[in-house]
Amino acid sequence: MQAISVQQPWAFAIARGGKTVSNQRVPTAHRGRLLIHASMRVDLKACDSPLILAAGWDPRDPLATIGAVIATARLDDVCSDAVRGVPCACGPWADPDRHHWHLADVLPLPRPIVALGRPDPWEPKPSLVAEVETMLANTAALNPRP
């Protein structure tokens, strides 16, 4: 499993608000589950962005924290067209000149798990992965789907 650190409020928008594209400096061959880590940095200008406001940004929400894993997602695809100067159809969340990591099946965690992140994609410690998996399994057991 890999992890990405994302500045708030963008990490919140992934966890709660339907942001399905993560803008990254590097591509990846990884496909599958990712941990979404809210970095220690906050993009203060973004807090007033119409996209962030539409995503329901609430700094009082536990998932608006910093320095913690707040969700998991499945990385389905990476679009690098914008980096090559080719127009892409990755939507309003996609920044120019970045690789667009397409996320699906986002699962917000019931509570953040404090962890140190890194600027580039990183491999979380097995103990962190186990803690996330246990938390999600316990949540699923308490809230079975019909």
N, C-alpha and C. Protein backbone atom coordinates (compact mmCIF):
# COMPACT_ATOMS: atom_id res chain seq x y z
N MET A 1 0.85 -1.18 0.00
CA MET A 1 0.00 0.00 0.00
C MET A 1 0.89 1.23 0.00
N GLN A 2 0.42 2.28 -0.66
CA GLN A 2 1.12 3.55 -0.65
C GLN A 2 0.26 4.60 0.04
N ALA A 3 0.88 5.75 0.31
CA ALA A 3 0.17 6.87 0.91
C ALA A 3 0.58 8.15 0.21
N ILE A 4 -0.32 9.13 0.24
CA ILE A 4 0.01 10.46 -0.26
C ILE A 4 -0.37 11.47 0.82
N SER A 5 0.46 12.48 0.95
CA SER A 5 0.18 13.59 1.86
C SER A 5 -0.38 14.74 1.04
N VAL A 6 -1.51 15.25 1.49
CA VAL A 6 -2.22 16.29 0.77
C VAL A 6 -2.50 17.43 1.75
N GLN A 7 -2.27 18.66 1.32
CA GLN A 7 -2.55 19.80 2.18
C GLN A 7 -4.05 19.92 2.44
N GLN A 8 -4.38 20.42 3.62
CA GLN A 8 -5.76 20.80 3.88
C GLN A 8 -6.01 22.12 3.17
N PRO A 9 -7.17 22.42 2.69
CA PRO A 9 -8.42 21.68 2.78
C PRO A 9 -8.64 20.66 1.66
N TRP A 10 -7.61 20.47 0.82
CA TRP A 10 -7.74 19.53 -0.29
C TRP A 10 -7.92 18.09 0.19
N ALA A 11 -7.21 17.72 1.27
CA ALA A 11 -7.36 16.36 1.82
C ALA A 11 -8.79 16.15 2.30
N PHE A 12 -9.35 17.16 2.97
CA PHE A 12 -10.74 17.09 3.41
C PHE A 12 -11.66 16.88 2.22
N ALA A 13 -11.42 17.62 1.13
CA ALA A 13 -12.26 17.50 -0.06
C ALA A 13 -12.21 16.09 -0.65
N ILE A 14 -11.08 15.42 -0.53
CA ILE A 14 -11.00 14.02 -0.96
C ILE A 14 -11.83 13.15 -0.01
N ALA A 15 -11.62 13.33 1.28
CA ALA A 15 -12.27 12.47 2.27
C ALA A 15 -13.78 12.67 2.34
N ARG A 16 -14.25 13.91 2.23
CA ARG A 16 -15.66 14.21 2.46
C ARG A 16 -16.41 14.78 1.26
N GLY A 17 -15.68 15.43 0.36
CA GLY A 17 -16.37 16.26 -0.61
C GLY A 17 -16.36 15.85 -2.05
N GLY A 18 -15.97 14.63 -2.35
CA GLY A 18 -16.05 14.17 -3.73
C GLY A 18 -14.92 14.60 -4.64
N LYS A 19 -13.80 15.04 -4.08
CA LYS A 19 -12.63 15.38 -4.91
C LYS A 19 -12.02 14.06 -5.38
N THR A 20 -12.13 13.79 -6.67
CA THR A 20 -11.70 12.49 -7.20
C THR A 20 -10.38 12.55 -7.96
N VAL A 21 -9.74 13.72 -7.95
CA VAL A 21 -8.44 13.87 -8.58
C VAL A 21 -7.47 14.45 -7.56
N SER A 22 -6.32 13.80 -7.41
CA SER A 22 -5.25 14.34 -6.59
C SER A 22 -4.15 14.79 -7.52
N ASN A 23 -3.74 16.04 -7.40
CA ASN A 23 -2.70 16.62 -8.26
C ASN A 23 -1.33 16.33 -7.66
N GLN A 24 -0.51 15.59 -8.41
CA GLN A 24 0.78 15.16 -7.90
C GLN A 24 1.90 15.61 -8.84
N ARG A 25 3.07 15.80 -8.26
CA ARG A 25 4.25 16.19 -9.05
C ARG A 25 4.82 15.03 -9.84
N VAL A 26 4.53 13.80 -9.40
CA VAL A 26 5.12 12.62 -10.03
C VAL A 26 4.02 11.64 -10.43
N PRO A 27 4.26 10.87 -11.50
CA PRO A 27 3.33 9.79 -11.84
C PRO A 27 3.63 8.57 -10.97
N THR A 28 2.84 7.54 -11.10
CA THR A 28 3.10 6.30 -10.39
C THR A 28 2.54 5.13 -11.19
N ALA A 29 3.18 3.99 -11.04
CA ALA A 29 2.67 2.77 -11.63
C ALA A 29 1.72 2.05 -10.67
N HIS A 30 1.68 2.52 -9.43
CA HIS A 30 0.83 1.90 -8.41
C HIS A 30 -0.64 2.03 -8.78
N ARG A 31 -1.38 0.98 -8.60
CA ARG A 31 -2.84 1.00 -8.70
C ARG A 31 -3.35 0.23 -7.49
N GLY A 32 -4.40 0.71 -6.92
CA GLY A 32 -4.95 0.05 -5.74
C GLY A 32 -5.12 1.03 -4.60
N ARG A 33 -5.18 0.50 -3.37
CA ARG A 33 -5.48 1.31 -2.19
C ARG A 33 -4.35 2.28 -1.87
N LEU A 34 -4.77 3.46 -1.42
CA LEU A 34 -3.87 4.52 -0.95
C LEU A 34 -4.39 5.01 0.39
N LEU A 35 -3.48 5.40 1.25
CA LEU A 35 -3.86 6.15 2.43
C LEU A 35 -3.83 7.63 2.06
N ILE A 36 -4.83 8.37 2.50
CA ILE A 36 -4.88 9.81 2.28
C ILE A 36 -4.48 10.47 3.60
N HIS A 37 -3.34 11.12 3.59
CA HIS A 37 -2.75 11.75 4.77
C HIS A 37 -2.90 13.26 4.64
N ALA A 38 -3.43 13.90 5.66
CA ALA A 38 -3.51 15.36 5.69
C ALA A 38 -2.17 15.88 6.20
N SER A 39 -1.46 16.60 5.36
CA SER A 39 -0.12 17.06 5.72
C SER A 39 -0.18 18.13 6.80
N MET A 40 0.98 18.53 7.26
CA MET A 40 1.07 19.56 8.30
C MET A 40 0.91 20.97 7.71
N ARG A 41 0.78 21.07 6.41
CA ARG A 41 0.64 22.38 5.77
C ARG A 41 -0.81 22.59 5.36
N VAL A 42 -1.23 23.85 5.44
CA VAL A 42 -2.58 24.24 5.06
C VAL A 42 -2.50 25.28 3.95
N ASP A 43 -3.26 25.09 2.90
CA ASP A 43 -3.36 26.05 1.81
C ASP A 43 -4.47 27.03 2.19
N LEU A 44 -4.11 28.10 2.89
CA LEU A 44 -5.11 29.03 3.42
C LEU A 44 -5.93 29.70 2.32
N LYS A 45 -5.30 29.98 1.17
CA LYS A 45 -6.05 30.61 0.07
C LYS A 45 -7.15 29.68 -0.45
N ALA A 46 -6.91 28.38 -0.39
CA ALA A 46 -7.87 27.43 -0.91
C ALA A 46 -9.13 27.33 -0.06
N CYS A 47 -9.06 27.73 1.19
CA CYS A 47 -10.22 27.61 2.09
C CYS A 47 -11.42 28.39 1.58
N ASP A 48 -11.18 29.41 0.75
CA ASP A 48 -12.27 30.22 0.18
C ASP A 48 -12.61 29.82 -1.25
N SER A 49 -11.97 28.78 -1.76
CA SER A 49 -12.22 28.31 -3.13
C SER A 49 -13.66 27.82 -3.26
N PRO A 50 -14.34 28.18 -4.35
CA PRO A 50 -15.69 27.67 -4.56
C PRO A 50 -15.75 26.14 -4.56
N LEU A 51 -14.73 25.48 -5.10
CA LEU A 51 -14.71 24.01 -5.08
C LEU A 51 -14.66 23.48 -3.65
N ILE A 52 -13.82 24.09 -2.82
CA ILE A 52 -13.68 23.64 -1.43
C ILE A 52 -14.97 23.93 -0.66
N LEU A 53 -15.55 25.10 -0.87
CA LEU A 53 -16.80 25.43 -0.18
C LEU A 53 -17.91 24.47 -0.60
N ALA A 54 -17.97 24.13 -1.90
CA ALA A 54 -18.97 23.18 -2.38
C ALA A 54 -18.74 21.78 -1.82
N ALA A 55 -17.50 21.48 -1.47
CA ALA A 55 -17.18 20.16 -0.89
C ALA A 55 -17.58 20.09 0.59
N GLY A 56 -18.05 21.21 1.15
CA GLY A 56 -18.51 21.20 2.53
C GLY A 56 -17.44 21.49 3.56
N TRP A 57 -16.37 22.17 3.16
CA TRP A 57 -15.26 22.45 4.07
C TRP A 57 -15.77 22.99 5.41
N ASP A 58 -15.34 22.32 6.47
CA ASP A 58 -15.68 22.71 7.83
C ASP A 58 -14.45 22.47 8.69
N PRO A 59 -13.74 23.53 9.10
CA PRO A 59 -12.52 23.34 9.88
C PRO A 59 -12.76 22.68 11.24
N ARG A 60 -14.03 22.57 11.67
CA ARG A 60 -14.35 21.90 12.94
C ARG A 60 -14.50 20.39 12.76
N ASP A 61 -14.62 19.92 11.53
CA ASP A 61 -14.76 18.49 11.25
C ASP A 61 -13.45 17.79 11.63
N PRO A 62 -13.52 16.63 12.28
CA PRO A 62 -12.29 15.90 12.63
C PRO A 62 -11.40 15.59 11.42
N LEU A 63 -11.99 15.45 10.24
CA LEU A 63 -11.19 15.16 9.05
C LEU A 63 -10.53 16.40 8.47
N ALA A 64 -10.72 17.55 9.11
CA ALA A 64 -10.03 18.78 8.71
C ALA A 64 -8.72 18.92 9.47
N THR A 65 -8.36 17.91 10.24
CA THR A 65 -7.13 17.94 11.03
C THR A 65 -5.90 17.94 10.13
N ILE A 66 -4.75 18.17 10.71
CA ILE A 66 -3.49 18.07 9.97
C ILE A 66 -2.61 17.03 10.65
N GLY A 67 -1.68 16.48 9.89
CA GLY A 67 -0.73 15.51 10.43
C GLY A 67 -1.34 14.17 10.76
N ALA A 68 -2.29 13.71 9.93
CA ALA A 68 -2.96 12.45 10.23
C ALA A 68 -3.50 11.80 8.95
N VAL A 69 -3.64 10.48 8.98
CA VAL A 69 -4.33 9.76 7.92
C VAL A 69 -5.82 9.95 8.18
N ILE A 70 -6.55 10.38 7.13
CA ILE A 70 -7.97 10.67 7.32
C ILE A 70 -8.89 9.84 6.43
N ALA A 71 -8.32 9.12 5.45
CA ALA A 71 -9.16 8.34 4.53
C ALA A 71 -8.30 7.34 3.77
N THR A 72 -8.99 6.44 3.09
CA THR A 72 -8.35 5.59 2.10
C THR A 72 -9.09 5.81 0.78
N ALA A 73 -8.42 5.50 -0.30
CA ALA A 73 -9.03 5.59 -1.63
C ALA A 73 -8.37 4.55 -2.51
N ARG A 74 -9.03 4.26 -3.62
CA ARG A 74 -8.44 3.36 -4.61
C ARG A 74 -7.91 4.22 -5.75
N LEU A 75 -6.64 4.08 -6.08
CA LEU A 75 -6.06 4.77 -7.23
C LEU A 75 -6.34 3.93 -8.46
N ASP A 76 -7.19 4.49 -9.35
CA ASP A 76 -7.61 3.76 -10.55
C ASP A 76 -6.75 4.06 -11.77
N ASP A 77 -6.29 5.31 -11.88
CA ASP A 77 -5.61 5.72 -13.11
C ASP A 77 -4.80 6.97 -12.83
N VAL A 78 -3.84 7.25 -13.70
CA VAL A 78 -3.07 8.48 -13.63
C VAL A 78 -3.06 9.09 -15.04
N CYS A 79 -3.47 10.36 -15.12
CA CYS A 79 -3.44 11.09 -16.39
C CYS A 79 -2.28 12.06 -16.35
N SER A 80 -1.38 11.96 -17.30
CA SER A 80 -0.21 12.85 -17.38
C SER A 80 -0.29 13.80 -18.57
N ASP A 81 -1.47 13.91 -19.20
CA ASP A 81 -1.62 14.77 -20.37
C ASP A 81 -1.25 16.21 -20.07
N ALA A 82 -1.70 16.76 -18.94
CA ALA A 82 -1.46 18.17 -18.63
C ALA A 82 0.04 18.46 -18.52
N VAL A 83 0.80 17.51 -17.99
CA VAL A 83 2.25 17.69 -17.87
C VAL A 83 2.90 17.77 -19.25
N ARG A 84 2.33 17.07 -20.21
CA ARG A 84 2.86 17.08 -21.58
C ARG A 84 2.28 18.22 -22.41
N GLY A 85 1.43 19.06 -21.79
CA GLY A 85 0.83 20.18 -22.50
C GLY A 85 -0.36 19.81 -23.36
N VAL A 86 -0.91 18.62 -23.12
CA VAL A 86 -2.06 18.14 -23.88
C VAL A 86 -3.32 18.36 -23.03
N PRO A 87 -4.38 18.91 -23.61
CA PRO A 87 -5.62 19.08 -22.82
C PRO A 87 -6.15 17.73 -22.35
N CYS A 88 -6.71 17.74 -21.16
CA CYS A 88 -7.31 16.51 -20.63
C CYS A 88 -8.71 16.82 -20.12
N ALA A 89 -9.45 15.79 -19.85
CA ALA A 89 -10.83 15.94 -19.38
C ALA A 89 -10.93 15.45 -17.93
N CYS A 90 -9.97 15.83 -17.11
CA CYS A 90 -9.93 15.33 -15.72
C CYS A 90 -10.80 16.14 -14.77
N GLY A 91 -11.43 17.19 -15.25
CA GLY A 91 -12.41 17.90 -14.45
C GLY A 91 -11.88 19.09 -13.69
N PRO A 92 -12.75 19.71 -12.90
CA PRO A 92 -12.41 20.97 -12.23
C PRO A 92 -11.37 20.84 -11.12
N TRP A 93 -11.17 19.66 -10.60
CA TRP A 93 -10.19 19.47 -9.53
C TRP A 93 -8.77 19.36 -10.07
N ALA A 94 -8.62 19.18 -11.38
CA ALA A 94 -7.32 18.93 -11.99
C ALA A 94 -6.56 20.23 -12.23
N ASP A 95 -5.33 20.30 -11.73
CA ASP A 95 -4.46 21.45 -11.92
C ASP A 95 -3.63 21.28 -13.20
N PRO A 96 -3.34 22.38 -13.89
CA PRO A 96 -2.45 22.26 -15.04
C PRO A 96 -1.03 21.93 -14.58
N ASP A 97 -0.28 21.29 -15.42
CA ASP A 97 1.12 20.95 -15.15
C ASP A 97 1.30 19.96 -14.00
N ARG A 98 0.31 19.15 -13.72
CA ARG A 98 0.42 18.12 -12.68
C ARG A 98 -0.09 16.80 -13.23
N HIS A 99 0.34 15.74 -12.60
CA HIS A 99 -0.19 14.40 -12.91
C HIS A 99 -1.49 14.28 -12.12
N HIS A 100 -2.52 13.79 -12.76
CA HIS A 100 -3.84 13.69 -12.13
C HIS A 100 -4.09 12.24 -11.72
N TRP A 101 -4.01 12.01 -10.42
CA TRP A 101 -4.27 10.68 -9.88
C TRP A 101 -5.78 10.56 -9.66
N HIS A 102 -6.41 9.62 -10.35
CA HIS A 102 -7.86 9.44 -10.27
C HIS A 102 -8.21 8.48 -9.13
N LEU A 103 -8.99 9.00 -8.18
CA LEU A 103 -9.34 8.27 -6.97
C LEU A 103 -10.78 7.80 -7.01
N ALA A 104 -11.02 6.64 -6.46
CA ALA A 104 -12.38 6.07 -6.37
C ALA A 104 -12.53 5.39 -5.01
N ASP A 105 -13.75 5.03 -4.69
CA ASP A 105 -14.05 4.28 -3.46
C ASP A 105 -13.37 4.90 -2.23
N VAL A 106 -13.55 6.20 -2.06
CA VAL A 106 -12.96 6.88 -0.91
C VAL A 106 -13.71 6.47 0.35
N LEU A 107 -12.96 6.11 1.38
CA LEU A 107 -13.52 5.76 2.68
C LEU A 107 -12.92 6.67 3.75
N PRO A 108 -13.71 7.64 4.24
CA PRO A 108 -13.19 8.47 5.33
C PRO A 108 -13.05 7.62 6.59
N LEU A 109 -12.02 7.88 7.36
CA LEU A 109 -11.85 7.16 8.62
C LEU A 109 -12.78 7.74 9.68
N PRO A 110 -13.23 6.92 10.61
CA PRO A 110 -14.09 7.43 11.68
C PRO A 110 -13.39 8.47 12.56
N ARG A 111 -12.07 8.34 12.64
CA ARG A 111 -11.27 9.34 13.36
C ARG A 111 -9.89 9.35 12.72
N PRO A 112 -9.24 10.52 12.74
CA PRO A 112 -7.89 10.60 12.15
C PRO A 112 -6.89 9.76 12.94
N ILE A 113 -5.87 9.28 12.23
CA ILE A 113 -4.77 8.55 12.86
C ILE A 113 -3.50 9.38 12.66
N VAL A 114 -2.95 9.89 13.73
CA VAL A 114 -1.78 10.75 13.67
C VAL A 114 -0.61 9.98 13.04
N ALA A 115 0.04 10.63 12.08
CA ALA A 115 1.17 10.00 11.37
C ALA A 115 1.99 11.09 10.70
N LEU A 116 3.25 10.81 10.51
CA LEU A 116 4.12 11.70 9.75
C LEU A 116 4.01 11.34 8.28
N GLY A 117 3.94 12.35 7.43
CA GLY A 117 3.86 12.11 5.99
C GLY A 117 5.14 12.53 5.30
N ARG A 118 5.06 12.62 3.99
CA ARG A 118 6.19 13.04 3.16
C ARG A 118 5.65 13.83 1.97
N PRO A 119 6.49 14.68 1.37
CA PRO A 119 6.01 15.47 0.23
C PRO A 119 5.63 14.62 -0.99
N ASP A 120 6.37 13.56 -1.25
CA ASP A 120 6.08 12.69 -2.39
C ASP A 120 5.38 11.43 -1.88
N PRO A 121 4.78 10.65 -2.78
CA PRO A 121 4.14 9.40 -2.36
C PRO A 121 5.10 8.57 -1.52
N TRP A 122 4.55 7.89 -0.51
CA TRP A 122 5.39 7.18 0.44
C TRP A 122 4.73 5.87 0.85
N GLU A 123 5.57 4.99 1.38
CA GLU A 123 5.09 3.69 1.85
C GLU A 123 4.90 3.75 3.36
N PRO A 124 3.65 3.58 3.82
CA PRO A 124 3.40 3.65 5.26
C PRO A 124 3.95 2.42 5.98
N LYS A 125 4.25 2.61 7.25
CA LYS A 125 4.70 1.49 8.07
C LYS A 125 3.59 0.46 8.20
N PRO A 126 3.95 -0.82 8.27
CA PRO A 126 2.94 -1.87 8.41
C PRO A 126 2.01 -1.64 9.61
N SER A 127 2.53 -1.08 10.69
CA SER A 127 1.69 -0.84 11.87
C SER A 127 0.61 0.21 11.58
N LEU A 128 0.92 1.21 10.76
CA LEU A 128 -0.08 2.21 10.38
C LEU A 128 -1.15 1.59 9.49
N VAL A 129 -0.73 0.80 8.51
CA VAL A 129 -1.67 0.11 7.62
C VAL A 129 -2.58 -0.80 8.45
N ALA A 130 -2.01 -1.53 9.39
CA ALA A 130 -2.81 -2.43 10.24
C ALA A 130 -3.82 -1.64 11.06
N GLU A 131 -3.42 -0.48 11.59
CA GLU A 131 -4.34 0.34 12.38
C GLU A 131 -5.50 0.84 11.53
N VAL A 132 -5.21 1.28 10.31
CA VAL A 132 -6.26 1.73 9.40
C VAL A 132 -7.20 0.58 9.06
N GLU A 133 -6.64 -0.57 8.71
CA GLU A 133 -7.46 -1.73 8.34
C GLU A 133 -8.34 -2.19 9.49
N THR A 134 -7.80 -2.19 10.70
CA THR A 134 -8.58 -2.58 11.88
C THR A 134 -9.72 -1.60 12.11
N MET A 135 -9.42 -0.31 12.00
CA MET A 135 -10.45 0.72 12.19
C MET A 135 -11.58 0.56 11.17
N LEU A 136 -11.23 0.34 9.91
CA LEU A 136 -12.25 0.18 8.88
C LEU A 136 -13.04 -1.11 9.07
N ALA A 137 -12.38 -2.18 9.48
CA ALA A 137 -13.08 -3.45 9.72
C ALA A 137 -14.06 -3.30 10.89
N ASN A 138 -13.63 -2.65 11.95
CA ASN A 138 -14.50 -2.45 13.11
C ASN A 138 -15.70 -1.58 12.74
N THR A 139 -15.47 -0.56 11.92
CA THR A 139 -16.56 0.31 11.48
C THR A 139 -17.55 -0.47 10.63
N ALA A 140 -17.04 -1.30 9.73
CA ALA A 140 -17.91 -2.11 8.88
C ALA A 140 -18.72 -3.10 9.71
N ALA A 141 -18.12 -3.66 10.75
CA ALA A 141 -18.84 -4.61 11.61
C ALA A 141 -19.96 -3.91 12.38
N LEU A 142 -19.73 -2.66 12.76
CA LEU A 142 -20.75 -1.91 13.49
C LEU A 142 -21.86 -1.37 12.59
N ASN A 143 -21.53 -1.20 11.31
CA ASN A 143 -22.49 -0.63 10.36
C ASN A 143 -22.61 -1.53 9.13
N PRO A 144 -23.16 -2.75 9.29
CA PRO A 144 -23.24 -3.65 8.15
C PRO A 144 -24.16 -3.08 7.07
N ARG A 145 -23.79 -3.34 5.82
CA ARG A 145 -24.60 -2.90 4.69
C ARG A 145 -25.73 -3.89 4.49
N PRO A 146 -26.92 -3.36 4.13
CA PRO A 146 -28.08 -4.28 3.89
C PRO A 146 -27.91 -5.11 2.65
